[in-house]
Protein backbone atom coordinates (compact mmCIF):
# COMPACT_ATOMS: atom_id res chain seq x y z
CA MET A 1 136.71 93.33 66.63
CA PRO A 2 140.39 92.06 66.25
CA GLN A 3 141.56 91.23 62.72
CA TRP A 4 143.48 88.06 62.52
CA ILE A 5 143.35 88.07 58.71
CA LYS A 6 144.67 91.14 57.08
CA PRO A 7 142.00 93.17 55.15
CA GLY A 8 142.38 92.59 51.37
CA THR A 9 143.75 89.00 52.09
CA THR A 10 142.04 86.64 49.46
CA PHE A 11 142.07 82.86 49.88
CA GLU A 12 140.54 80.75 47.27
CA PHE A 13 137.69 78.86 49.04
CA TYR A 14 135.08 78.48 46.24
CA GLY A 15 137.66 76.99 43.98
CA THR A 16 138.34 73.97 46.47
CA ARG A 17 134.60 73.24 46.66
CA ARG A 18 134.75 69.94 44.68
CA ARG A 19 137.62 68.61 47.07
CA ALA A 20 135.71 69.84 49.97
CA TYR A 21 132.42 68.31 48.76
CA ALA A 22 134.34 65.04 48.30
CA ILE A 23 135.58 65.03 52.00
CA SER A 24 132.14 66.02 53.23
CA TRP A 25 130.37 63.23 51.33
CA GLY A 26 132.93 60.64 52.26
CA LEU A 27 132.50 61.40 56.07
CA THR A 28 128.81 61.55 55.81
CA VAL A 29 128.56 58.30 54.11
CA ALA A 30 131.06 56.74 56.32
CA SER A 31 129.13 57.98 59.43
CA LEU A 32 125.85 56.53 58.15
CA ALA A 33 127.58 53.23 57.31
CA MET A 34 129.22 53.10 60.80
CA LEU A 35 125.70 53.25 62.21
CA GLY A 36 124.62 50.32 60.12
CA VAL A 37 127.74 48.34 61.01
CA ASN A 38 127.05 48.74 64.62
CA VAL A 39 123.52 47.54 64.18
CA LEU A 40 124.79 44.43 62.76
CA VAL A 41 127.85 43.70 64.97
CA ARG A 42 126.74 45.21 68.30
CA GLY A 43 122.88 45.14 67.89
CA SER A 44 122.52 48.91 68.29
CA ALA A 45 123.47 51.77 66.14
CA LEU A 46 124.71 53.79 69.18
CA ASN A 47 125.86 53.16 72.68
CA TYR A 48 122.57 54.48 74.26
CA GLY A 49 123.05 55.60 77.85
CA THR A 50 120.63 54.79 80.62
CA ASP A 51 118.76 58.04 79.69
CA PHE A 52 117.46 56.19 76.63
CA THR A 53 117.73 52.36 77.41
CA GLY A 54 116.45 52.44 81.03
CA GLY A 55 118.50 51.21 84.03
CA SER A 56 120.86 52.69 86.54
CA GLN A 57 124.18 54.52 86.61
CA LEU A 58 126.27 54.91 89.87
CA GLN A 59 129.51 56.77 90.39
CA VAL A 60 131.37 54.87 93.10
CA GLN A 61 134.50 56.07 94.76
CA PHE A 62 136.73 53.28 96.37
CA THR A 63 139.16 53.79 99.28
CA ARG A 64 141.95 51.94 97.75
CA ALA A 65 143.17 50.81 94.20
CA VAL A 66 140.96 48.09 92.56
CA SER A 67 140.70 46.75 89.12
CA PRO A 68 137.53 47.03 86.80
CA SER A 69 137.38 43.17 86.47
CA ARG A 70 137.50 42.85 90.30
CA VAL A 71 134.61 45.24 90.70
CA ARG A 72 132.49 43.55 88.13
CA SER A 73 133.05 40.13 89.79
CA ALA A 74 132.10 41.50 93.16
CA LEU A 75 128.78 43.19 91.52
CA GLU A 76 127.98 39.65 89.85
CA GLN A 77 128.41 37.97 93.31
CA GLY A 78 126.07 40.52 94.83
CA GLY A 79 123.34 39.68 92.21
CA PHE A 80 124.09 42.59 89.75
CA ALA A 81 125.30 40.42 86.89
CA GLY A 82 126.08 42.03 83.44
CA SER A 83 126.97 45.50 84.91
CA GLU A 84 129.33 47.68 82.84
CA VAL A 85 132.40 48.99 84.90
CA VAL A 86 134.31 52.01 83.54
CA ALA A 87 137.31 53.67 85.26
CA MET A 88 136.72 57.24 85.29
CA ALA A 89 139.57 59.83 84.45
CA GLY A 90 139.88 63.70 84.62
CA GLY A 91 138.35 65.37 87.70
CA ALA A 92 136.63 62.36 89.12
CA GLY A 93 139.52 61.47 91.44
CA PRO A 94 141.51 58.21 91.92
CA ASN A 95 139.88 54.87 92.34
CA THR A 96 136.58 56.11 90.89
CA PHE A 97 134.27 53.94 88.62
CA MET A 98 131.10 54.61 86.77
CA LEU A 99 128.76 51.65 87.09
CA ARG A 100 125.99 50.98 84.57
CA MET A 101 123.44 48.33 84.98
CA GLY A 102 120.13 47.36 83.32
CA GLU A 103 116.79 47.73 85.12
CA VAL A 104 117.26 46.33 88.56
CA SER A 105 115.14 46.26 91.60
CA VAL A 106 116.55 46.61 95.12
CA CYS A 107 113.79 44.23 96.04
CA SER A 108 113.72 41.01 93.89
CA ASP A 109 110.68 39.09 92.84
CA ALA A 110 111.36 36.34 95.45
CA GLU A 111 111.77 38.92 98.21
CA ARG A 112 108.46 40.57 97.42
CA THR A 113 106.78 37.08 97.44
CA LYS A 114 108.20 36.38 100.92
CA ALA A 115 107.26 40.00 102.22
CA LYS A 116 103.74 39.25 101.01
CA ALA A 117 103.61 36.00 102.83
CA GLU A 118 105.02 37.82 106.16
CA LEU A 119 102.46 40.56 105.56
CA GLN A 120 99.64 37.99 105.59
CA ARG A 121 100.90 36.30 108.61
CA ALA A 122 101.28 39.71 110.54
CA PHE A 123 97.79 40.95 109.69
CA GLY A 124 96.09 37.47 109.79
CA ARG A 125 94.62 37.71 106.23
CA PRO A 126 95.73 38.30 102.64
CA ILE A 127 96.67 41.85 101.79
CA ALA A 128 94.80 43.49 98.90
CA LYS A 129 97.89 44.67 96.90
CA LEU A 130 101.73 44.83 96.93
CA GLU A 131 102.81 47.07 94.01
CA HIS A 132 106.22 48.24 92.85
CA LYS A 133 106.55 50.86 90.30
CA GLU A 134 109.18 50.50 87.55
CA GLY A 135 112.44 52.29 88.34
CA SER A 136 111.32 53.15 91.76
CA ASP A 137 112.77 52.42 95.12
CA LYS A 138 109.42 52.48 96.84
CA LEU A 139 106.77 49.72 97.31
CA TYR A 140 103.03 50.23 97.90
CA VAL A 141 101.21 48.02 100.41
CA VAL A 142 97.23 48.08 100.39
CA LEU A 143 95.60 46.29 103.32
CA SER A 144 92.45 44.39 102.73
CA SER A 145 90.55 45.68 105.78
CA ALA A 146 90.10 49.48 106.61
CA SER A 147 89.81 48.55 110.29
CA ASP A 148 93.46 47.72 110.16
CA VAL A 149 94.01 51.47 109.80
CA THR A 150 91.04 53.32 110.94
CA LYS A 151 91.02 52.07 114.69
CA LYS A 152 92.55 54.13 117.38
CA ASP A 153 96.34 53.57 117.36
CA ALA A 154 96.01 51.29 114.38
CA GLU A 155 98.00 53.29 112.04
CA ASP A 156 101.28 53.09 114.20
CA ALA A 157 100.40 49.34 114.78
CA ALA A 158 100.05 48.78 111.02
CA VAL A 159 103.38 50.59 110.41
CA GLY A 160 105.20 48.51 113.05
CA LYS A 161 103.75 45.22 111.55
CA ILE A 162 104.94 46.20 107.99
CA GLU A 163 108.40 47.00 109.09
CA ARG A 164 108.77 43.67 110.93
CA ALA A 165 107.18 41.61 108.00
CA PHE A 166 109.89 43.31 105.38
CA ALA A 167 112.60 42.80 107.95
CA ALA A 168 111.56 39.07 108.33
CA ALA A 169 111.82 38.73 104.43
CA GLY A 170 115.27 40.27 104.49
CA VAL A 171 114.28 43.62 102.63
CA ASP A 172 116.02 46.71 103.86
CA VAL A 173 113.44 49.23 104.54
CA GLN A 174 114.07 52.89 105.37
CA GLN A 175 110.60 54.16 106.01
CA VAL A 176 107.06 53.29 106.21
CA ARG A 177 104.27 55.71 106.11
CA LEU A 178 100.51 56.12 105.39
CA PHE A 179 99.96 56.99 101.70
CA GLY A 180 96.75 59.11 101.31
CA ARG A 181 93.85 58.91 103.57
CA ALA A 182 93.47 56.18 106.14
CA ARG A 183 90.35 54.83 104.53
CA ASP A 184 92.41 54.06 101.41
CA ARG A 185 94.47 51.55 103.46
CA ALA A 186 97.51 52.11 101.63
CA PHE A 187 101.22 52.55 102.97
CA GLU A 188 104.31 53.75 101.17
CA VAL A 189 107.49 51.58 101.84
CA SER A 190 110.81 53.46 101.12
CA LEU A 191 113.42 50.83 100.48
CA GLY A 192 117.15 51.12 101.19
CA GLY A 193 117.81 52.33 97.60
CA LEU A 194 120.09 51.00 94.81
CA GLY A 195 123.10 52.72 96.22
CA THR A 196 122.84 51.11 99.58
CA ALA A 197 122.34 47.63 97.94
CA VAL A 198 125.41 48.12 95.57
CA GLU A 199 127.63 49.52 98.47
CA ARG A 200 126.57 46.43 100.64
CA ALA A 201 127.37 44.08 97.88
CA LEU A 202 130.90 45.62 97.05
CA ASN A 203 131.95 45.62 100.52
CA LYS A 204 130.87 42.17 101.08
CA ALA A 205 133.04 40.94 98.17
CA LEU A 206 136.04 43.41 98.46
CA GLY A 207 136.08 43.83 102.25
CA PRO A 208 134.58 46.26 104.79
CA GLY A 209 135.08 49.91 104.16
CA SER A 210 136.16 49.34 100.41
CA VAL A 211 133.56 51.81 99.14
CA GLY A 212 134.31 55.27 100.16
CA ASP A 213 131.37 57.24 98.74
CA ILE A 214 128.63 56.88 95.97
CA PRO A 215 128.12 60.55 95.02
CA GLN A 216 125.75 60.02 92.05
CA VAL A 217 122.85 57.43 91.49
CA GLU A 218 120.62 57.93 88.46
CA THR A 219 117.68 55.49 87.57
CA VAL A 220 115.53 55.64 84.43
CA GLY A 221 112.63 53.24 83.79
CA GLY A 222 112.82 51.40 80.33
CA ARG A 223 109.52 52.95 79.25
CA MET A 224 110.59 56.41 80.14
CA GLY A 225 114.03 55.89 78.40
CA ARG A 226 112.43 55.16 75.09
CA GLN A 227 110.20 58.06 75.56
CA LEU A 228 113.25 60.27 76.17
CA ARG A 229 114.94 58.92 73.10
CA ASP A 230 112.01 59.56 70.83
CA SER A 231 111.55 63.04 72.30
CA GLY A 232 115.23 64.05 71.85
CA ILE A 233 115.15 62.74 68.07
CA LYS A 234 111.99 64.90 67.44
CA ALA A 235 113.43 67.82 69.03
CA LEU A 236 116.44 67.74 66.79
CA ILE A 237 114.39 67.18 63.70
CA TYR A 238 112.11 70.13 64.72
CA SER A 239 114.83 72.56 65.36
CA MET A 240 116.41 71.81 62.01
CA LEU A 241 113.08 72.50 60.40
CA LEU A 242 112.51 75.71 62.24
CA ILE A 243 116.06 76.92 61.35
CA LEU A 244 115.14 76.16 57.58
CA LEU A 245 112.20 78.35 58.05
CA TYR A 246 113.99 81.24 59.63
CA ILE A 247 116.75 81.10 56.90
CA THR A 248 113.96 81.13 54.12
CA LEU A 249 112.19 84.27 55.83
CA ARG A 250 115.52 86.06 56.50
CA PHE A 251 117.00 85.66 53.02
CA ASP A 252 115.39 83.49 50.39
CA LEU A 253 114.83 80.08 49.02
CA ARG A 254 118.45 80.07 47.47
CA TYR A 255 119.99 80.22 51.02
CA ALA A 256 117.97 77.83 53.12
CA PRO A 257 119.03 74.49 51.46
CA GLY A 258 122.68 75.23 51.99
CA ALA A 259 122.09 75.91 55.72
CA LEU A 260 120.09 72.88 56.14
CA VAL A 261 122.59 70.64 54.30
CA ALA A 262 125.42 72.12 56.65
CA LEU A 263 123.36 71.22 59.67
CA VAL A 264 122.73 67.83 58.61
CA HIS A 265 126.35 67.47 57.73
CA ASP A 266 127.50 68.54 61.03
CA VAL A 267 125.08 66.53 63.11
CA VAL A 268 125.46 63.31 61.02
CA ILE A 269 129.24 63.20 61.28
CA THR A 270 129.21 63.96 65.06
CA VAL A 271 126.92 61.02 65.49
CA GLY A 272 129.08 59.04 63.22
CA VAL A 273 132.14 59.69 65.60
CA PHE A 274 130.13 58.51 68.50
CA ALA A 275 129.07 55.52 66.68
CA LEU A 276 132.82 54.69 65.62
CA LEU A 277 134.36 55.24 69.10
CA TRP A 278 131.27 53.79 70.83
CA HIS A 279 131.00 56.67 73.41
CA GLU A 280 127.97 56.79 75.45
CA PHE A 281 124.96 58.56 73.63
CA SER A 282 122.74 60.20 76.25
CA LEU A 283 120.46 63.31 76.68
CA SER A 284 123.55 65.50 77.14
CA VAL A 285 124.70 64.47 73.70
CA VAL A 286 121.44 65.29 72.15
CA ALA A 287 121.64 68.75 73.98
CA ALA A 288 125.15 69.07 72.41
CA LEU A 289 123.79 68.28 68.94
CA MET A 290 121.11 71.06 69.20
CA THR A 291 123.88 73.51 70.36
CA ILE A 292 126.01 72.39 67.35
CA ALA A 293 123.16 73.19 65.06
CA GLY A 294 122.58 76.70 66.55
CA TYR A 295 126.38 77.39 66.40
CA SER A 296 126.45 76.21 62.93
CA VAL A 297 123.59 78.38 61.76
CA ASN A 298 125.02 81.39 63.49
CA ASP A 299 128.39 80.94 61.65
CA THR A 300 126.58 80.47 58.25
CA ILE A 301 124.19 83.42 58.79
CA VAL A 302 127.10 85.85 59.17
CA VAL A 303 128.58 84.68 55.96
CA PHE A 304 125.23 84.71 54.18
CA ASP A 305 124.68 88.29 55.39
CA ARG A 306 127.85 89.35 53.82
CA ILE A 307 127.10 87.62 50.67
CA ARG A 308 123.91 89.48 50.37
CA GLU A 309 125.50 92.87 51.16
CA ASP A 310 128.30 92.16 48.46
CA ALA A 311 125.87 91.05 46.00
CA ALA A 312 124.07 94.22 46.05
CA ARG A 313 127.43 96.34 46.18
CA LEU A 314 129.56 94.30 43.66
CA ARG A 315 127.03 93.90 40.69
CA ASP A 316 129.82 93.70 38.14
CA ARG A 317 131.36 90.60 39.63
CA LYS A 318 130.24 87.02 39.01
CA PHE A 319 128.48 85.59 41.84
CA ASP A 320 131.01 83.00 42.64
CA ARG A 321 133.75 85.83 43.21
CA VAL A 322 131.13 87.64 45.53
CA VAL A 323 130.77 84.51 47.57
CA ASN A 324 134.56 83.93 47.79
CA ALA A 325 135.05 87.64 48.78
CA ALA A 326 132.43 87.30 51.61
CA ILE A 327 134.09 84.37 53.07
CA ASN A 328 137.33 86.13 53.22
CA GLU A 329 135.82 89.25 54.68
CA THR A 330 134.18 87.34 57.55
CA LEU A 331 137.20 84.88 58.12
CA SER A 332 138.54 86.75 61.19
CA ARG A 333 135.11 86.68 62.83
CA THR A 334 134.69 82.88 61.96
CA LEU A 335 138.13 82.09 63.44
CA LEU A 336 137.50 84.22 66.55
CA THR A 337 134.15 82.40 67.34
CA SER A 338 135.82 79.09 66.83
CA LEU A 339 137.82 79.80 69.95
CA THR A 340 134.94 78.43 71.92
CA LEU A 341 136.66 75.15 71.17
CA VAL A 342 139.07 75.92 73.85
CA THR A 343 136.23 75.89 76.53
CA CYS A 344 134.68 72.64 75.00
CA LEU A 345 138.18 70.78 74.96
CA ALA A 346 138.39 71.76 78.64
CA LEU A 347 134.96 70.26 79.48
CA TRP A 348 135.95 67.08 77.47
CA LEU A 349 139.45 66.66 78.88
CA LEU A 350 138.76 67.77 82.54
CA GLY A 351 135.06 66.91 82.97
CA THR A 352 133.36 63.57 83.97
CA GLY A 353 130.26 61.67 82.99
CA ALA A 354 127.78 63.60 81.05
CA ILE A 355 129.71 66.96 81.06
CA ARG A 356 132.68 65.00 79.31
CA GLU A 357 130.40 63.56 76.63
CA PHE A 358 128.83 67.03 76.11
CA GLY A 359 132.28 68.58 75.83
CA PHE A 360 133.47 65.90 73.49
CA ALA A 361 130.20 66.40 71.12
CA LEU A 362 130.72 70.20 71.11
CA SER A 363 134.48 70.00 70.29
CA ILE A 364 133.60 67.96 67.03
CA GLY A 365 130.62 69.94 66.25
CA ILE A 366 132.56 73.46 66.54
CA VAL A 367 135.18 72.18 64.09
CA LEU A 368 132.56 70.93 61.73
CA GLY A 369 130.35 74.00 61.95
CA THR A 370 133.34 76.43 61.15
CA TYR A 371 134.12 73.98 58.12
CA SER A 372 130.61 73.59 56.84
CA SER A 373 129.77 77.52 56.78
CA ILE A 374 132.75 77.98 54.35
CA PHE A 375 132.94 74.91 52.36
CA VAL A 376 129.54 73.49 52.37
CA ALA A 377 126.77 76.20 52.70
CA SER A 378 128.39 78.91 50.79
CA PRO A 379 129.18 77.04 47.59
CA MET A 380 125.64 75.63 47.50
CA VAL A 381 124.40 79.14 47.48
CA VAL A 382 126.23 79.63 44.35
CA PHE A 383 124.84 76.32 42.87
CA LEU A 384 121.30 77.41 43.77
CA ASN A 385 121.71 80.94 42.43
CA GLU A 386 122.98 79.52 39.03
CA ARG A 387 120.08 77.09 38.98
CA PHE A 388 117.39 79.64 39.81
CA GLY A 389 119.01 82.17 37.41
CA THR A 390 118.85 79.56 34.52
CA ILE A 391 115.24 79.01 35.45
CA GLY A 392 114.37 82.67 35.45
CA ARG A 393 116.14 83.21 32.04
CA GLN A 394 114.22 80.24 30.51
CA ALA A 395 110.92 81.56 31.67
CA ALA A 396 111.75 85.01 30.56
CA ALA A 397 112.70 83.82 27.14
CA ARG A 398 109.08 82.16 26.87
C-alpha cells in the first residue's frame, strides 16, 4: 500500500482529545437540537420523502423553460393543490422538475360515485362493490349477479358496459379485465395513471405539448410509508447493536463502547445536517446511514487492531502513547480509504433524485467516519482501559 505519511512520523492525536470531544459533543447536541427545532417550527423533525409519508413523486421534463411557480399554479388548476415543485440540477437535463404531492387518486370520490351510478344504469341493478385500494391506479368492480358474467358472451358484454360507464363518468380507463374466476363476478379496471393525469393537467394550463416526458412516477401509500419509516429506523438500530456485539467478540469490552459512540456520533451528525438543510430524508438516505456505519466501523477496527498489536509489543510504554503510535501507523491507510469521498462527491454533484441524496449523506459520513475513528473511538479506548485497570487494581488490593 502506498505510504502517504512517512514511517516514523508522529502527530499528536491523543493530546487533542479534549478539543476534539468538545467539537463532537457540540455538533451532536446541535444536531439533536435542530431536530427539536424542526418539530416546533415545521411540524416534523425531518423532511421525510414520499417513501415515509406516503404520496407520489414525479420527474417531469418540459419542452420549454417554465418557472416553478407557474408549474405549481398549473397543478393547482388541475386539482393537485399543495404540490411541491423542485427544479432539478445536475444530470437531469434542462427544464426538469421533481413534483411531490400527497396521497392523490386519479379517480376522485365524486368520479367514483358517478361511475357507480353509471354502472347501475348499465347493468339495470346496483353493483355489489366498487373498491379502490390505497396508492393504487386500479379499481375493482364486483357485480351483483353471476349471470352478468357466466352467460355465453356475457364477459365481453360486461367489459364493454364497464368501459362505457366509466367513460360516461369522465374517468380515463386503460383496460378492463375479468379478475379471478367468472363466478366471482369481479373486474379489474386499470386507470390512466397519475402520470397521465398530471400531464393532462399541465398541458391544459401551460399549452399543448408543454410536457416532453415523465420518466419517473413513484407512489407509496400512507400506511406503507409509515411501515417503511419504522422498518428503516429498526434496521439502523439493529445494525448498530450487531456491530457492538462483533467488536466485543473480536476484541474485548474496552473497545466496544468507543466503536459504538463513534457510530452514533457519525449517524446523528449526518441526520442533523439533513435536518438543518431540510434535505429530503428517504429510504436511500437510510441506506446511506447504514453504509456510513459500516465504513466507520471498518476504519475503527483497523486502528483497534494496530492498538492491540502495539500494546502487546510495546509493554514498556504508557497505553495512551501506544494508542497515539497506532493511529500514526495506520494514518496512510485511513487517508487512502477516505478517497471514497471523491466518488461520493460525484454522486452528489452529478446525480439526481435519490442518488443525489445518497451521495450527499455518504460524503458527510465518510468525513465524519475518518474523524471519529481517530478522535472519538481511540481516545475512549484509553479512558476505558484506565478505568478497567483501576477497577482491576482495586479488586487485587482486596
